[in-house]
């Protein structure tokens, strides 16, 4: 009976119905939303982690300075997302609550994977209940606890640890560049340059430092900070 109803309505009309190929089409569609998001890269090296995102001026009257692509989760954790911005904003709050609750319970900073798992668990729940839809967003969650950590969460609720990862528009080109040029023993400054150079592979014309938002978490301080426009401009000039 369930199969007949699914055949009549279409497998993509209900999140709880598998197709004969074993797919949940609403989850597949959520992945497509991620591919249309602004390009974002997360990477780690021996000296810390880097999270960077490209920005585009979509409307003339939008206050570009207020467009935040990178968000602080805790002193030692940052995140950025690609996909539906409203979904990303909600999941950033989920991550912040998870980190805050961990500090309250254990009086120490939350492990990066703990926060990632909290976000991924909620994403997974939204793939198996009727009346809801999957989150159309992927998050890169990076920071330093015992060591540098970079995780990427998918709309399905799956998450994995990466040395370097790209999401959003042109992620295939970005990943190919990172796979060919990434080395773990890079310094933090060298890693920032590598990430910016990856973005330039997609568009050589976009050398405006205001189009990039970059955050780093050094191992020695375990404190996240965003690079200033002047710092980004200096890295672009050195490239």
C-alpha atoms as a PDB file:
ATOM      1  CA  UNK A   1       0.000   0.000   0.000  1.00  0.00           C
ATOM      2  CA  UNK A   2       2.817   2.387   0.907  1.00  0.00           C
ATOM      3  CA  UNK A   3       4.566   1.494  -2.345  1.00  0.00           C
ATOM      4  CA  UNK A   4       1.417   2.159  -4.351  1.00  0.00           C
ATOM      5  CA  UNK A   5       0.925   5.542  -2.709  1.00  0.00           C
ATOM      6  CA  UNK A   6       4.538   6.454  -3.375  1.00  0.00           C
ATOM      7  CA  UNK A   7       4.181   5.422  -7.001  1.00  0.00           C
ATOM      8  CA  UNK A   8       1.101   7.579  -7.360  1.00  0.00           C
ATOM      9  CA  UNK A   9       2.505  10.684  -5.693  1.00  0.00           C
ATOM     10  CA  UNK A  10       6.160  10.381  -6.699  1.00  0.00           C
ATOM     11  CA  UNK A  11       9.109   9.350  -4.572  1.00  0.00           C
ATOM     12  CA  UNK A  12      10.241  12.940  -4.093  1.00  0.00           C
ATOM     13  CA  UNK A  13       7.048  14.105  -2.408  1.00  0.00           C
ATOM     14  CA  UNK A  14       7.691  12.494   0.957  1.00  0.00           C
ATOM     15  CA  UNK A  15      10.941  12.480   2.901  1.00  0.00           C
ATOM     16  CA  UNK A  16      10.115   9.102   4.469  1.00  0.00           C
ATOM     17  CA  UNK A  17       9.749   7.162   1.192  1.00  0.00           C
ATOM     18  CA  UNK A  18      12.740   5.442  -0.372  1.00  0.00           C
ATOM     19  CA  UNK A  19      12.972   5.105  -4.142  1.00  0.00           C
ATOM     20  CA  UNK A  20      13.629   1.650  -5.612  1.00  0.00           C
ATOM     21  CA  UNK A  21      17.285   2.710  -5.916  1.00  0.00           C
ATOM     22  CA  UNK A  22      17.450   3.297  -2.160  1.00  0.00           C
ATOM     23  CA  UNK A  23      17.507   7.083  -2.414  1.00  0.00           C
ATOM     24  CA  UNK A  24      15.677   9.792  -0.511  1.00  0.00           C
ATOM     25  CA  UNK A  25      15.128  12.341  -3.222  1.00  0.00           C
ATOM     26  CA  UNK A  26      14.454  15.231  -0.852  1.00  0.00           C
ATOM     27  CA  UNK A  27      17.936  14.670   0.594  1.00  0.00           C
ATOM     28  CA  UNK A  28      19.365  14.581  -2.930  1.00  0.00           C
ATOM     29  CA  UNK A  29      17.684  17.918  -3.633  1.00  0.00           C
ATOM     30  CA  UNK A  30      19.206  19.354  -0.454  1.00  0.00           C
ATOM     31  CA  UNK A  31      22.653  18.466  -1.815  1.00  0.00           C
ATOM     32  CA  UNK A  32      21.801  20.475  -4.940  1.00  0.00           C
ATOM     33  CA  UNK A  33      21.009  23.490  -2.759  1.00  0.00           C
ATOM     34  CA  UNK A  34      24.486  23.185  -1.221  1.00  0.00           C
ATOM     35  CA  UNK A  35      26.122  23.169  -4.665  1.00  0.00           C
ATOM     36  CA  UNK A  36      24.512  26.543  -5.390  1.00  0.00           C
ATOM     37  CA  UNK A  37      25.906  28.154  -2.234  1.00  0.00           C
ATOM     38  CA  UNK A  38      28.908  30.475  -2.084  1.00  0.00           C
ATOM     39  CA  UNK A  39      32.255  28.681  -2.255  1.00  0.00           C
ATOM     40  CA  UNK A  40      33.752  27.799   1.126  1.00  0.00           C
ATOM     41  CA  UNK A  41      36.983  26.038   2.095  1.00  0.00           C
ATOM     42  CA  UNK A  42      38.236  24.571   5.363  1.00  0.00           C
ATOM     43  CA  UNK A  43      41.771  23.240   5.850  1.00  0.00           C
ATOM     44  CA  UNK A  44      44.169  22.334   8.634  1.00  0.00           C
ATOM     45  CA  UNK A  45      47.924  22.232   9.043  1.00  0.00           C
ATOM     46  CA  UNK A  46      50.412  21.654  11.831  1.00  0.00           C
ATOM     47  CA  UNK A  47      50.000  25.265  13.022  1.00  0.00           C
ATOM     48  CA  UNK A  48      46.195  25.472  13.056  1.00  0.00           C
ATOM     49  CA  UNK A  49      43.109  25.678  10.859  1.00  0.00           C
ATOM     50  CA  UNK A  50      41.843  28.043   8.180  1.00  0.00           C
ATOM     51  CA  UNK A  51      38.244  28.623   7.104  1.00  0.00           C
ATOM     52  CA  UNK A  52      37.632  30.894   4.130  1.00  0.00           C
ATOM     53  CA  UNK A  53      34.586  31.869   2.105  1.00  0.00           C
ATOM     54  CA  UNK A  54      34.051  33.897  -1.029  1.00  0.00           C
ATOM     55  CA  UNK A  55      31.329  36.524  -1.178  1.00  0.00           C
ATOM     56  CA  UNK A  56      29.455  38.106  -4.053  1.00  0.00           C
ATOM     57  CA  UNK A  57      27.681  41.446  -4.260  1.00  0.00           C
ATOM     58  CA  UNK A  58      24.194  40.259  -5.117  1.00  0.00           C
ATOM     59  CA  UNK A  59      22.400  43.611  -4.749  1.00  0.00           C
ATOM     60  CA  UNK A  60      23.722  47.149  -4.962  1.00  0.00           C
ATOM     61  CA  UNK A  61      21.992  48.429  -1.817  1.00  0.00           C
ATOM     62  CA  UNK A  62      22.875  45.495   0.450  1.00  0.00           C
ATOM     63  CA  UNK A  63      25.301  46.477   3.230  1.00  0.00           C
ATOM     64  CA  UNK A  64      28.142  44.225   2.121  1.00  0.00           C
ATOM     65  CA  UNK A  65      30.103  44.687   5.355  1.00  0.00           C
ATOM     66  CA  UNK A  66      27.274  43.050   7.307  1.00  0.00           C
ATOM     67  CA  UNK A  67      27.263  39.888   5.177  1.00  0.00           C
ATOM     68  CA  UNK A  68      28.900  37.354   7.467  1.00  0.00           C
ATOM     69  CA  UNK A  69      30.006  34.040   6.022  1.00  0.00           C
ATOM     70  CA  UNK A  70      32.158  32.853   8.919  1.00  0.00           C
ATOM     71  CA  UNK A  71      30.720  32.521  12.405  1.00  0.00           C
ATOM     72  CA  UNK A  72      32.334  31.940  15.788  1.00  0.00           C
ATOM     73  CA  UNK A  73      30.978  28.927  17.689  1.00  0.00           C
ATOM     74  CA  UNK A  74      33.351  29.198  20.660  1.00  0.00           C
ATOM     75  CA  UNK A  75      36.723  30.784  21.290  1.00  0.00           C
ATOM     76  CA  UNK A  76      38.413  27.859  19.511  1.00  0.00           C
ATOM     77  CA  UNK A  77      35.790  26.880  16.889  1.00  0.00           C
ATOM     78  CA  UNK A  78      34.580  28.604  13.725  1.00  0.00           C
ATOM     79  CA  UNK A  79      32.125  27.537  11.058  1.00  0.00           C
ATOM     80  CA  UNK A  80      30.938  28.500   7.607  1.00  0.00           C
ATOM     81  CA  UNK A  81      28.231  27.034   5.406  1.00  0.00           C
ATOM     82  CA  UNK A  82      27.052  26.705   1.818  1.00  0.00           C
ATOM     83  CA  UNK A  83      23.418  26.373   0.814  1.00  0.00           C
ATOM     84  CA  UNK A  84      20.287  27.953   2.234  1.00  0.00           C
ATOM     85  CA  UNK A  85      21.437  30.782   4.486  1.00  0.00           C
ATOM     86  CA  UNK A  86      18.382  30.584   6.759  1.00  0.00           C
ATOM     87  CA  UNK A  87      19.053  26.903   7.441  1.00  0.00           C
ATOM     88  CA  UNK A  88      22.699  27.672   8.101  1.00  0.00           C
ATOM     89  CA  UNK A  89      21.835  30.383  10.610  1.00  0.00           C
ATOM     90  CA  UNK A  90      19.667  27.960  12.602  1.00  0.00           C
ATOM     91  CA  UNK A  91      22.388  25.291  12.654  1.00  0.00           C
ATOM     92  CA  UNK A  92      25.011  27.831  13.751  1.00  0.00           C
ATOM     93  CA  UNK A  93      22.816  28.526  16.801  1.00  0.00           C
ATOM     94  CA  UNK A  94      22.533  24.766  17.419  1.00  0.00           C
ATOM     95  CA  UNK A  95      26.319  24.480  17.368  1.00  0.00           C
ATOM     96  CA  UNK A  96      26.706  27.415  19.750  1.00  0.00           C
ATOM     97  CA  UNK A  97      24.245  25.912  22.227  1.00  0.00           C
ATOM     98  CA  UNK A  98      26.068  22.576  22.102  1.00  0.00           C
ATOM     99  CA  UNK A  99      29.402  24.267  22.828  1.00  0.00           C
ATOM    100  CA  UNK A 100      27.885  26.375  25.608  1.00  0.00           C
ATOM    101  CA  UNK A 101      26.192  23.383  27.253  1.00  0.00           C
ATOM    102  CA  UNK A 102      29.457  21.433  27.190  1.00  0.00           C
ATOM    103  CA  UNK A 103      31.293  24.284  28.907  1.00  0.00           C
ATOM    104  CA  UNK A 104      28.533  24.533  31.519  1.00  0.00           C
ATOM    105  CA  UNK A 105      28.596  20.788  32.280  1.00  0.00           C
ATOM    106  CA  UNK A 106      32.334  20.089  32.141  1.00  0.00           C
ATOM    107  CA  UNK A 107      33.895  23.539  32.644  1.00  0.00           C
ATOM    108  CA  UNK A 108      36.170  23.112  29.628  1.00  0.00           C
ATOM    109  CA  UNK A 109      36.011  23.859  25.899  1.00  0.00           C
ATOM    110  CA  UNK A 110      33.942  21.473  23.812  1.00  0.00           C
ATOM    111  CA  UNK A 111      35.754  19.120  21.410  1.00  0.00           C
ATOM    112  CA  UNK A 112      35.228  20.124  17.794  1.00  0.00           C
ATOM    113  CA  UNK A 113      33.779  16.724  16.926  1.00  0.00           C
ATOM    114  CA  UNK A 114      31.279  16.953  19.794  1.00  0.00           C
ATOM    115  CA  UNK A 115      29.835  20.146  18.317  1.00  0.00           C
ATOM    116  CA  UNK A 116      29.882  18.656  14.815  1.00  0.00           C
ATOM    117  CA  UNK A 117      28.004  15.575  15.991  1.00  0.00           C
ATOM    118  CA  UNK A 118      25.319  17.699  17.661  1.00  0.00           C
ATOM    119  CA  UNK A 119      24.670  19.493  14.375  1.00  0.00           C
ATOM    120  CA  UNK A 120      24.786  16.285  12.338  1.00  0.00           C
ATOM    121  CA  UNK A 121      22.390  14.469  14.677  1.00  0.00           C
ATOM    122  CA  UNK A 122      19.776  17.174  14.158  1.00  0.00           C
ATOM    123  CA  UNK A 123      20.304  17.046  10.399  1.00  0.00           C
ATOM    124  CA  UNK A 124      19.783  13.292  10.409  1.00  0.00           C
ATOM    125  CA  UNK A 125      16.520  13.574  12.348  1.00  0.00           C
ATOM    126  CA  UNK A 126      15.177  15.846   9.604  1.00  0.00           C
ATOM    127  CA  UNK A 127      15.670  13.082   7.025  1.00  0.00           C
ATOM    128  CA  UNK A 128      13.315  10.542   8.618  1.00  0.00           C
ATOM    129  CA  UNK A 129      10.192  12.364   9.828  1.00  0.00           C
ATOM    130  CA  UNK A 130       7.108  13.298   7.865  1.00  0.00           C
ATOM    131  CA  UNK A 131       6.104  16.941   7.650  1.00  0.00           C
ATOM    132  CA  UNK A 132       9.667  18.252   7.632  1.00  0.00           C
ATOM    133  CA  UNK A 133      12.371  18.706   5.029  1.00  0.00           C
ATOM    134  CA  UNK A 134      16.148  18.206   5.203  1.00  0.00           C
ATOM    135  CA  UNK A 135      18.391  21.148   5.961  1.00  0.00           C
ATOM    136  CA  UNK A 136      19.613  22.431   2.603  1.00  0.00           C
ATOM    137  CA  UNK A 137      23.036  23.351   3.863  1.00  0.00           C
ATOM    138  CA  UNK A 138      26.482  21.879   4.511  1.00  0.00           C
ATOM    139  CA  UNK A 139      28.700  23.246   7.270  1.00  0.00           C
ATOM    140  CA  UNK A 140      32.443  23.259   7.669  1.00  0.00           C
ATOM    141  CA  UNK A 141      33.222  23.222  11.380  1.00  0.00           C
ATOM    142  CA  UNK A 142      36.876  23.761  12.268  1.00  0.00           C
ATOM    143  CA  UNK A 143      38.907  24.472  15.367  1.00  0.00           C
ATOM    144  CA  UNK A 144      41.673  23.368  17.668  1.00  0.00           C
ATOM    145  CA  UNK A 145      41.181  21.155  20.720  1.00  0.00           C
ATOM    146  CA  UNK A 146      43.885  18.531  21.289  1.00  0.00           C
ATOM    147  CA  UNK A 147      44.879  19.046  17.653  1.00  0.00           C
ATOM    148  CA  UNK A 148      43.649  20.943  14.572  1.00  0.00           C
ATOM    149  CA  UNK A 149      40.283  19.613  13.389  1.00  0.00           C
ATOM    150  CA  UNK A 150      38.205  20.172  10.254  1.00  0.00           C
ATOM    151  CA  UNK A 151      34.807  18.519   9.788  1.00  0.00           C
ATOM    152  CA  UNK A 152      32.190  18.831   7.066  1.00  0.00           C
ATOM    153  CA  UNK A 153      28.550  17.968   7.687  1.00  0.00           C
ATOM    154  CA  UNK A 154      26.222  16.937   4.850  1.00  0.00           C
ATOM    155  CA  UNK A 155      22.438  17.464   4.549  1.00  0.00           C
ATOM    156  CA  UNK A 156      21.998  13.729   5.184  1.00  0.00           C
ATOM    157  CA  UNK A 157      23.481  14.021   8.680  1.00  0.00           C
ATOM    158  CA  UNK A 158      26.748  12.392   7.690  1.00  0.00           C
ATOM    159  CA  UNK A 159      29.966  14.084   8.767  1.00  0.00           C
ATOM    160  CA  UNK A 160      33.629  13.346   8.111  1.00  0.00           C
ATOM    161  CA  UNK A 161      37.006  14.694   9.150  1.00  0.00           C
ATOM    162  CA  UNK A 162      39.108  16.315   6.431  1.00  0.00           C
ATOM    163  CA  UNK A 163      42.576  17.721   5.966  1.00  0.00           C
ATOM    164  CA  UNK A 164      41.070  20.125   3.441  1.00  0.00           C
ATOM    165  CA  UNK A 165      37.563  20.353   1.998  1.00  0.00           C
ATOM    166  CA  UNK A 166      35.529  22.645  -0.251  1.00  0.00           C
ATOM    167  CA  UNK A 167      31.756  23.090  -0.510  1.00  0.00           C
ATOM    168  CA  UNK A 168      29.446  25.274  -2.551  1.00  0.00           C
ATOM    169  CA  UNK A 169      29.853  26.519  -6.108  1.00  0.00           C
ATOM    170  CA  UNK A 170      32.791  25.108  -8.086  1.00  0.00           C
ATOM    171  CA  UNK A 171      33.665  22.760  -5.239  1.00  0.00           C
ATOM    172  CA  UNK A 172      34.958  20.142  -7.710  1.00  0.00           C
ATOM    173  CA  UNK A 173      37.522  22.592  -9.134  1.00  0.00           C
ATOM    174  CA  UNK A 174      38.526  23.726  -5.662  1.00  0.00           C
ATOM    175  CA  UNK A 175      38.935  20.139  -4.446  1.00  0.00           C
ATOM    176  CA  UNK A 176      41.080  19.221  -7.453  1.00  0.00           C
ATOM    177  CA  UNK A 177      43.376  22.161  -6.712  1.00  0.00           C
ATOM    178  CA  UNK A 178      43.613  21.285  -3.018  1.00  0.00           C
ATOM    179  CA  UNK A 179      44.307  17.621  -3.751  1.00  0.00           C
ATOM    180  CA  UNK A 180      47.180  18.632  -6.035  1.00  0.00           C
ATOM    181  CA  UNK A 181      48.757  21.293  -3.822  1.00  0.00           C
ATOM    182  CA  UNK A 182      47.833  20.673  -0.169  1.00  0.00           C
ATOM    183  CA  UNK A 183      50.471  19.621   2.370  1.00  0.00           C
ATOM    184  CA  UNK A 184      49.908  19.196   6.086  1.00  0.00           C
ATOM    185  CA  UNK A 185      53.312  20.648   7.026  1.00  0.00           C
ATOM    186  CA  UNK A 186      52.474  24.088   5.606  1.00  0.00           C
ATOM    187  CA  UNK A 187      52.635  27.057   7.940  1.00  0.00           C
ATOM    188  CA  UNK A 188      49.381  28.847   8.787  1.00  0.00           C
ATOM    189  CA  UNK A 189      50.259  31.786   6.520  1.00  0.00           C
ATOM    190  CA  UNK A 190      51.125  29.419   3.676  1.00  0.00           C
ATOM    191  CA  UNK A 191      47.825  27.633   4.142  1.00  0.00           C
ATOM    192  CA  UNK A 192      45.923  30.937   3.960  1.00  0.00           C
ATOM    193  CA  UNK A 193      47.698  31.714   0.680  1.00  0.00           C
ATOM    194  CA  UNK A 194      46.913  28.236  -0.667  1.00  0.00           C
ATOM    195  CA  UNK A 195      43.211  28.650   0.118  1.00  0.00           C
ATOM    196  CA  UNK A 196      43.074  32.092  -1.517  1.00  0.00           C
ATOM    197  CA  UNK A 197      44.960  30.754  -4.529  1.00  0.00           C
ATOM    198  CA  UNK A 198      42.347  28.005  -4.811  1.00  0.00           C
ATOM    199  CA  UNK A 199      39.615  30.642  -5.027  1.00  0.00           C
ATOM    200  CA  UNK A 200      41.561  32.431  -7.768  1.00  0.00           C
ATOM    201  CA  UNK A 201      41.532  29.224  -9.820  1.00  0.00           C
ATOM    202  CA  UNK A 202      37.779  29.683 -10.070  1.00  0.00           C
ATOM    203  CA  UNK A 203      37.889  33.378 -10.942  1.00  0.00           C
ATOM    204  CA  UNK A 204      41.145  35.216 -11.625  1.00  0.00           C
ATOM    205  CA  UNK A 205      39.242  38.499 -11.813  1.00  0.00           C
ATOM    206  CA  UNK A 206      38.063  38.366  -8.216  1.00  0.00           C
ATOM    207  CA  UNK A 207      41.165  39.726  -6.499  1.00  0.00           C
ATOM    208  CA  UNK A 208      39.234  42.216  -4.395  1.00  0.00           C
ATOM    209  CA  UNK A 209      40.096  41.408  -0.729  1.00  0.00           C
ATOM    210  CA  UNK A 210      36.599  42.453   0.326  1.00  0.00           C
ATOM    211  CA  UNK A 211      35.231  39.433  -1.559  1.00  0.00           C
ATOM    212  CA  UNK A 212      36.885  37.010   0.852  1.00  0.00           C
ATOM    213  CA  UNK A 213      36.296  36.284   4.504  1.00  0.00           C
ATOM    214  CA  UNK A 214      39.051  34.337   6.240  1.00  0.00           C
ATOM    215  CA  UNK A 215      39.332  33.037   9.798  1.00  0.00           C
ATOM    216  CA  UNK A 216      42.203  31.209  11.474  1.00  0.00           C
ATOM    217  CA  UNK A 217      42.614  29.277  14.720  1.00  0.00           C
ATOM    218  CA  UNK A 218      46.314  28.923  15.624  1.00  0.00           C
ATOM    219  CA  UNK A 219      47.457  25.933  17.670  1.00  0.00           C
ATOM    220  CA  UNK A 220      49.499  28.058  20.053  1.00  0.00           C
ATOM    221  CA  UNK A 221      46.615  30.316  21.151  1.00  0.00           C
ATOM    222  CA  UNK A 222      43.548  28.151  20.334  1.00  0.00           C
ATOM    223  CA  UNK A 223      41.714  31.426  19.785  1.00  0.00           C
ATOM    224  CA  UNK A 224      39.815  32.088  16.579  1.00  0.00           C
ATOM    225  CA  UNK A 225      40.068  35.391  14.780  1.00  0.00           C
ATOM    226  CA  UNK A 226      39.105  36.806  11.411  1.00  0.00           C
ATOM    227  CA  UNK A 227      41.726  38.336   9.168  1.00  0.00           C
ATOM    228  CA  UNK A 228      41.274  42.006   8.373  1.00  0.00           C
ATOM    229  CA  UNK A 229      40.729  43.222   4.823  1.00  0.00           C
ATOM    230  CA  UNK A 230      44.295  44.581   4.892  1.00  0.00           C
ATOM    231  CA  UNK A 231      45.690  41.173   5.875  1.00  0.00           C
ATOM    232  CA  UNK A 232      43.739  39.441   3.110  1.00  0.00           C
ATOM    233  CA  UNK A 233      44.914  42.079   0.627  1.00  0.00           C
ATOM    234  CA  UNK A 234      48.531  41.460   1.645  1.00  0.00           C
ATOM    235  CA  UNK A 235      48.190  37.720   1.073  1.00  0.00           C
ATOM    236  CA  UNK A 236      46.610  38.314  -2.340  1.00  0.00           C
ATOM    237  CA  UNK A 237      49.442  40.664  -3.309  1.00  0.00           C
ATOM    238  CA  UNK A 238      52.043  38.076  -2.300  1.00  0.00           C
ATOM    239  CA  UNK A 239      50.363  35.542  -4.564  1.00  0.00           C
END
